[in-house]
Amino acid sequence: MQTTRGTSLTSATESGTPGGTARRRHVRVLVGVAVAVLVADVISKIIVVAKLSDRSPVSLLGGLIKLEETRNAGAAFSIGTGTTLLFGLVAIAVIAVILRTARRLYSRPWAIVLGLLLGGATGNLSDRLLRSPGVLRGHVVDWIQLPHFAAVFNLADSAITIGGTLAVLLALTGRQIDGSIARSAEKPADVEAPSDETS
């Protein structure tokens, strides 16, 4: 018996395996992406602090990219520098929501998106927890600056931005976290035009 839930299930499990196995596979993709982002972010920040602290900015690619170590008390791209504690708590909430959402994850594209968001949020949260001036008040290490773009950012910020952009695109195309596609996003069936037969 087929069940209708307001969406058209095009692929309950994209890999064709039983639901539980497919979900675990997608969760592994999520965790793998998140770990890769977190490791890259942490290592890059360690190198930046060691090499760029108290040093003038370094220009690369003819000035296309500028490397400069700064400390950010606010959110991504230096927004809201006076509410460090709030952003730390928001990051914890975001991580909790992502982990909870993973229980109904049957979409590989969404697994990648959630992995980018989880890795980015965790990378910046680690700074807020471990760096001065204190727990949940630590300043995030930013170090990448682009021309005509005032804010300095890091790899975690980049992952969050990319993940957020991809999430919007998936939502616009109707792709759901459970692997279904919203009916409104499907291509409507061709309707046969009425004939103009005359008697």
C-alpha atoms as a PDB file:
ATOM      1  CA  MET A   1       0.000   0.000   0.000  1.00  0.00           C
ATOM      2  CA  GLN A   2       1.393   3.395  -1.025  1.00  0.00           C
ATOM      3  CA  THR A   3       1.355   6.213   1.495  1.00  0.00           C
ATOM      4  CA  THR A   4       0.860   9.836   0.440  1.00  0.00           C
ATOM      5  CA  ARG A   5       2.407  12.505   2.694  1.00  0.00           C
ATOM      6  CA  GLY A   6       1.977  15.652   0.597  1.00  0.00           C
ATOM      7  CA  THR A   7       5.288  15.034  -1.133  1.00  0.00           C
ATOM      8  CA  SER A   8       6.213  12.706  -3.922  1.00  0.00           C
ATOM      9  CA  LEU A   9       8.877  10.283  -2.800  1.00  0.00           C
ATOM     10  CA  THR A  10      11.245   9.930  -5.706  1.00  0.00           C
ATOM     11  CA  SER A  11      13.838   8.021  -3.738  1.00  0.00           C
ATOM     12  CA  ALA A  12      13.274   7.020  -0.134  1.00  0.00           C
ATOM     13  CA  THR A  13      16.868   5.874  -0.106  1.00  0.00           C
ATOM     14  CA  GLU A  14      19.135   7.248  -2.771  1.00  0.00           C
ATOM     15  CA  SER A  15      21.473   4.294  -2.638  1.00  0.00           C
ATOM     16  CA  GLY A  16      18.728   1.703  -3.011  1.00  0.00           C
ATOM     17  CA  THR A  17      19.653   0.037   0.289  1.00  0.00           C
ATOM     18  CA  PRO A  18      17.268  -0.515   3.217  1.00  0.00           C
ATOM     19  CA  GLY A  19      16.314   2.650   5.059  1.00  0.00           C
ATOM     20  CA  GLY A  20      18.453   2.152   8.148  1.00  0.00           C
ATOM     21  CA  THR A  21      21.596   1.379   6.160  1.00  0.00           C
ATOM     22  CA  ALA A  22      21.006   4.325   3.815  1.00  0.00           C
ATOM     23  CA  ARG A  23      20.539   6.722   6.711  1.00  0.00           C
ATOM     24  CA  ARG A  24      23.756   5.541   8.360  1.00  0.00           C
ATOM     25  CA  ARG A  25      25.577   5.993   5.050  1.00  0.00           C
ATOM     26  CA  HIS A  26      24.361   9.571   4.721  1.00  0.00           C
ATOM     27  CA  VAL A  27      25.180  10.305   8.347  1.00  0.00           C
ATOM     28  CA  ARG A  28      28.725   9.105   7.659  1.00  0.00           C
ATOM     29  CA  VAL A  29      28.917  11.576   4.765  1.00  0.00           C
ATOM     30  CA  LEU A  30      27.712  14.345   7.093  1.00  0.00           C
ATOM     31  CA  VAL A  31      30.271  13.448   9.762  1.00  0.00           C
ATOM     32  CA  GLY A  32      33.067  13.076   7.199  1.00  0.00           C
ATOM     33  CA  VAL A  33      32.431  16.520   5.711  1.00  0.00           C
ATOM     34  CA  ALA A  34      32.125  18.081   9.165  1.00  0.00           C
ATOM     35  CA  VAL A  35      35.376  16.529  10.382  1.00  0.00           C
ATOM     36  CA  ALA A  36      37.220  17.611   7.220  1.00  0.00           C
ATOM     37  CA  VAL A  37      36.019  21.204   7.653  1.00  0.00           C
ATOM     38  CA  LEU A  38      36.847  21.222  11.368  1.00  0.00           C
ATOM     39  CA  VAL A  39      40.340  19.778  10.900  1.00  0.00           C
ATOM     40  CA  ALA A  40      41.148  22.192   8.064  1.00  0.00           C
ATOM     41  CA  ASP A  41      39.850  25.136  10.098  1.00  0.00           C
ATOM     42  CA  VAL A  42      41.726  24.227  13.287  1.00  0.00           C
ATOM     43  CA  ILE A  43      45.024  23.523  11.506  1.00  0.00           C
ATOM     44  CA  SER A  44      44.813  26.724   9.461  1.00  0.00           C
ATOM     45  CA  LYS A  45      44.188  28.773  12.607  1.00  0.00           C
ATOM     46  CA  ILE A  46      47.130  27.178  14.415  1.00  0.00           C
ATOM     47  CA  ILE A  47      49.405  28.055  11.498  1.00  0.00           C
ATOM     48  CA  VAL A  48      47.999  31.584  11.231  1.00  0.00           C
ATOM     49  CA  VAL A  49      48.482  32.298  14.936  1.00  0.00           C
ATOM     50  CA  ALA A  50      52.028  30.948  14.787  1.00  0.00           C
ATOM     51  CA  LYS A  51      53.083  32.716  11.593  1.00  0.00           C
ATOM     52  CA  LEU A  52      50.978  35.858  11.208  1.00  0.00           C
ATOM     53  CA  SER A  53      50.561  37.209  14.735  1.00  0.00           C
ATOM     54  CA  ASP A  54      52.064  40.698  15.130  1.00  0.00           C
ATOM     55  CA  ARG A  55      52.994  40.735  11.467  1.00  0.00           C
ATOM     56  CA  SER A  56      51.924  42.931   8.583  1.00  0.00           C
ATOM     57  CA  PRO A  57      49.418  41.398   6.115  1.00  0.00           C
ATOM     58  CA  VAL A  58      50.729  38.982   3.493  1.00  0.00           C
ATOM     59  CA  SER A  59      49.496  39.466  -0.083  1.00  0.00           C
ATOM     60  CA  LEU A  60      49.060  36.514  -2.423  1.00  0.00           C
ATOM     61  CA  LEU A  61      48.175  36.202  -6.113  1.00  0.00           C
ATOM     62  CA  GLY A  62      49.046  39.791  -6.838  1.00  0.00           C
ATOM     63  CA  GLY A  63      46.938  41.112  -3.978  1.00  0.00           C
ATOM     64  CA  LEU A  64      43.853  39.034  -4.818  1.00  0.00           C
ATOM     65  CA  ILE A  65      44.014  37.425  -1.377  1.00  0.00           C
ATOM     66  CA  LYS A  66      45.421  39.047   1.741  1.00  0.00           C
ATOM     67  CA  LEU A  67      46.317  37.038   4.838  1.00  0.00           C
ATOM     68  CA  GLU A  68      46.026  38.895   8.130  1.00  0.00           C
ATOM     69  CA  GLU A  69      45.475  37.501  11.611  1.00  0.00           C
ATOM     70  CA  THR A  70      42.628  39.199  13.456  1.00  0.00           C
ATOM     71  CA  ARG A  71      40.477  38.266  16.456  1.00  0.00           C
ATOM     72  CA  ASN A  72      36.709  38.450  16.078  1.00  0.00           C
ATOM     73  CA  ALA A  73      34.399  38.675  19.079  1.00  0.00           C
ATOM     74  CA  GLY A  74      31.270  38.539  16.900  1.00  0.00           C
ATOM     75  CA  ALA A  75      29.686  36.213  14.360  1.00  0.00           C
ATOM     76  CA  ALA A  76      30.848  35.277  10.892  1.00  0.00           C
ATOM     77  CA  PHE A  77      32.452  38.144   8.967  1.00  0.00           C
ATOM     78  CA  SER A  78      32.866  40.236  12.168  1.00  0.00           C
ATOM     79  CA  ILE A  79      29.138  40.848  12.665  1.00  0.00           C
ATOM     80  CA  GLY A  80      27.871  41.690  16.164  1.00  0.00           C
ATOM     81  CA  THR A  81      31.153  41.984  18.022  1.00  0.00           C
ATOM     82  CA  GLY A  82      29.449  42.927  21.280  1.00  0.00           C
ATOM     83  CA  THR A  83      27.485  39.695  21.741  1.00  0.00           C
ATOM     84  CA  THR A  84      30.140  36.988  21.931  1.00  0.00           C
ATOM     85  CA  LEU A  85      28.346  34.876  24.539  1.00  0.00           C
ATOM     86  CA  LEU A  86      25.105  34.917  22.556  1.00  0.00           C
ATOM     87  CA  PHE A  87      26.816  33.711  19.390  1.00  0.00           C
ATOM     88  CA  GLY A  88      28.472  30.906  21.315  1.00  0.00           C
ATOM     89  CA  LEU A  89      25.107  29.728  22.618  1.00  0.00           C
ATOM     90  CA  VAL A  90      23.564  30.028  19.151  1.00  0.00           C
ATOM     91  CA  ALA A  91      26.371  27.861  17.728  1.00  0.00           C
ATOM     92  CA  ILE A  92      25.662  25.186  20.346  1.00  0.00           C
ATOM     93  CA  ALA A  93      21.955  25.286  19.461  1.00  0.00           C
ATOM     94  CA  VAL A  94      22.717  24.999  15.734  1.00  0.00           C
ATOM     95  CA  ILE A  95      24.954  21.978  16.334  1.00  0.00           C
ATOM     96  CA  ALA A  96      22.221  20.334  18.446  1.00  0.00           C
ATOM     97  CA  VAL A  97      19.609  20.925  15.721  1.00  0.00           C
ATOM     98  CA  ILE A  98      21.884  19.460  13.026  1.00  0.00           C
ATOM     99  CA  LEU A  99      22.583  16.345  15.097  1.00  0.00           C
ATOM    100  CA  ARG A 100      18.865  15.923  15.774  1.00  0.00           C
ATOM    101  CA  THR A 101      18.029  16.383  12.080  1.00  0.00           C
ATOM    102  CA  ALA A 102      20.516  13.646  11.161  1.00  0.00           C
ATOM    103  CA  ARG A 103      18.053  11.062  12.513  1.00  0.00           C
ATOM    104  CA  ARG A 104      15.851  11.550   9.427  1.00  0.00           C
ATOM    105  CA  LEU A 105      18.615  12.150   6.887  1.00  0.00           C
ATOM    106  CA  TYR A 106      18.163  10.227   3.617  1.00  0.00           C
ATOM    107  CA  SER A 107      19.634  12.743   1.166  1.00  0.00           C
ATOM    108  CA  ARG A 108      23.296  12.911   0.211  1.00  0.00           C
ATOM    109  CA  PRO A 109      23.148  16.561  -0.925  1.00  0.00           C
ATOM    110  CA  TRP A 110      21.643  17.505   2.429  1.00  0.00           C
ATOM    111  CA  ALA A 111      24.273  15.394   4.190  1.00  0.00           C
ATOM    112  CA  ILE A 112      26.979  17.506   2.527  1.00  0.00           C
ATOM    113  CA  VAL A 113      25.167  20.734   3.385  1.00  0.00           C
ATOM    114  CA  LEU A 114      24.669  19.778   7.026  1.00  0.00           C
ATOM    115  CA  GLY A 115      28.284  18.607   7.226  1.00  0.00           C
ATOM    116  CA  LEU A 116      29.513  22.001   6.009  1.00  0.00           C
ATOM    117  CA  LEU A 117      27.302  23.809   8.530  1.00  0.00           C
ATOM    118  CA  LEU A 118      28.243  21.468  11.378  1.00  0.00           C
ATOM    119  CA  GLY A 119      31.973  21.679  10.656  1.00  0.00           C
ATOM    120  CA  GLY A 120      31.881  25.461  10.329  1.00  0.00           C
ATOM    121  CA  ALA A 121      29.827  25.988  13.473  1.00  0.00           C
ATOM    122  CA  THR A 122      32.042  23.617  15.448  1.00  0.00           C
ATOM    123  CA  GLY A 123      35.229  25.257  14.178  1.00  0.00           C
ATOM    124  CA  ASN A 124      34.222  28.717  15.360  1.00  0.00           C
ATOM    125  CA  LEU A 125      32.682  27.349  18.574  1.00  0.00           C
ATOM    126  CA  SER A 126      36.022  25.730  19.465  1.00  0.00           C
ATOM    127  CA  ASP A 127      37.596  29.191  19.367  1.00  0.00           C
ATOM    128  CA  ARG A 128      34.862  30.601  21.615  1.00  0.00           C
ATOM    129  CA  LEU A 129      35.389  27.782  24.093  1.00  0.00           C
ATOM    130  CA  LEU A 130      39.191  27.582  24.127  1.00  0.00           C
ATOM    131  CA  ARG A 131      40.610  31.000  23.295  1.00  0.00           C
ATOM    132  CA  SER A 132      40.898  34.104  25.438  1.00  0.00           C
ATOM    133  CA  PRO A 133      39.322  35.905  27.179  1.00  0.00           C
ATOM    134  CA  GLY A 134      37.326  32.889  28.441  1.00  0.00           C
ATOM    135  CA  VAL A 135      34.856  30.067  27.900  1.00  0.00           C
ATOM    136  CA  LEU A 136      32.076  31.064  25.478  1.00  0.00           C
ATOM    137  CA  ARG A 137      33.701  34.495  25.265  1.00  0.00           C
ATOM    138  CA  GLY A 138      36.744  33.524  23.224  1.00  0.00           C
ATOM    139  CA  HIS A 139      37.565  35.510  20.114  1.00  0.00           C
ATOM    140  CA  VAL A 140      37.524  33.676  16.781  1.00  0.00           C
ATOM    141  CA  VAL A 141      40.674  33.724  14.649  1.00  0.00           C
ATOM    142  CA  ASP A 142      39.986  35.263  11.214  1.00  0.00           C
ATOM    143  CA  TRP A 143      42.652  35.528   8.550  1.00  0.00           C
ATOM    144  CA  ILE A 144      41.358  35.705   4.951  1.00  0.00           C
ATOM    145  CA  GLN A 145      40.576  39.017   3.269  1.00  0.00           C
ATOM    146  CA  LEU A 146      39.403  39.596  -0.290  1.00  0.00           C
ATOM    147  CA  PRO A 147      39.610  42.843  -2.281  1.00  0.00           C
ATOM    148  CA  HIS A 148      36.579  45.144  -2.006  1.00  0.00           C
ATOM    149  CA  PHE A 149      35.323  43.041   0.922  1.00  0.00           C
ATOM    150  CA  ALA A 150      35.811  44.682   4.301  1.00  0.00           C
ATOM    151  CA  ALA A 151      35.327  41.643   6.540  1.00  0.00           C
ATOM    152  CA  VAL A 152      38.099  39.199   7.406  1.00  0.00           C
ATOM    153  CA  PHE A 153      36.978  35.556   7.641  1.00  0.00           C
ATOM    154  CA  ASN A 154      38.217  31.994   8.051  1.00  0.00           C
ATOM    155  CA  LEU A 155      37.581  28.515   6.617  1.00  0.00           C
ATOM    156  CA  ALA A 156      34.733  27.852   9.076  1.00  0.00           C
ATOM    157  CA  ASP A 157      32.957  31.010   7.893  1.00  0.00           C
ATOM    158  CA  SER A 158      33.443  29.902   4.301  1.00  0.00           C
ATOM    159  CA  ALA A 159      31.948  26.464   5.021  1.00  0.00           C
ATOM    160  CA  ILE A 160      28.936  28.057   6.730  1.00  0.00           C
ATOM    161  CA  THR A 161      28.387  30.422   3.794  1.00  0.00           C
ATOM    162  CA  ILE A 162      28.682  27.656   1.187  1.00  0.00           C
ATOM    163  CA  GLY A 163      26.472  25.341   3.214  1.00  0.00           C
ATOM    164  CA  GLY A 164      23.825  28.023   3.669  1.00  0.00           C
ATOM    165  CA  THR A 165      23.827  28.845  -0.046  1.00  0.00           C
ATOM    166  CA  LEU A 166      23.482  25.178  -1.007  1.00  0.00           C
ATOM    167  CA  ALA A 167      20.670  24.752   1.536  1.00  0.00           C
ATOM    168  CA  VAL A 168      18.719  27.549  -0.146  1.00  0.00           C
ATOM    169  CA  LEU A 169      19.264  25.962  -3.568  1.00  0.00           C
ATOM    170  CA  LEU A 170      18.096  22.559  -2.318  1.00  0.00           C
ATOM    171  CA  ALA A 171      15.016  24.136  -0.759  1.00  0.00           C
ATOM    172  CA  LEU A 172      14.200  26.009  -3.968  1.00  0.00           C
ATOM    173  CA  THR A 173      14.409  22.793  -5.985  1.00  0.00           C
ATOM    174  CA  GLY A 174      12.155  21.021  -3.489  1.00  0.00           C
ATOM    175  CA  ARG A 175      14.713  18.516  -2.205  1.00  0.00           C
ATOM    176  CA  GLN A 176      13.854  17.366   1.300  1.00  0.00           C
ATOM    177  CA  ILE A 177      16.114  15.985   4.016  1.00  0.00           C
ATOM    178  CA  ASP A 178      14.212  12.679   3.966  1.00  0.00           C
ATOM    179  CA  GLY A 179      15.119  12.142   0.296  1.00  0.00           C
ATOM    180  CA  SER A 180      11.780  13.232  -1.129  1.00  0.00           C
ATOM    181  CA  ILE A 181      11.031  16.009  -3.583  1.00  0.00           C
ATOM    182  CA  ALA A 182       8.210  18.418  -2.888  1.00  0.00           C
ATOM    183  CA  ARG A 183       5.326  18.042  -5.329  1.00  0.00           C
ATOM    184  CA  SER A 184       5.413  21.734  -6.242  1.00  0.00           C
ATOM    185  CA  ALA A 185       8.992  21.321  -7.465  1.00  0.00           C
ATOM    186  CA  GLU A 186       8.186  18.452  -9.778  1.00  0.00           C
ATOM    187  CA  LYS A 187       7.662  19.053 -13.451  1.00  0.00           C
ATOM    188  CA  PRO A 188       3.914  19.031 -14.075  1.00  0.00           C
ATOM    189  CA  ALA A 189       2.617  16.251 -16.280  1.00  0.00           C
ATOM    190  CA  ASP A 190       1.794  17.160 -19.853  1.00  0.00           C
ATOM    191  CA  VAL A 191      -1.867  17.893 -20.232  1.00  0.00           C
ATOM    192  CA  GLU A 192      -3.384  16.897 -23.552  1.00  0.00           C
ATOM    193  CA  ALA A 193      -5.037  19.867 -25.192  1.00  0.00           C
ATOM    194  CA  PRO A 194      -8.725  19.414 -25.995  1.00  0.00           C
ATOM    195  CA  SER A 195      -9.398  18.662 -29.644  1.00  0.00           C
ATOM    196  CA  ASP A 196     -11.157  21.182 -31.860  1.00  0.00           C
ATOM    197  CA  GLU A 197     -13.246  18.611 -33.695  1.00  0.00           C
ATOM    198  CA  THR A 198     -16.303  20.011 -35.367  1.00  0.00           C
ATOM    199  CA  SER A 199     -19.316  18.038 -36.403  1.00  0.00           C
END
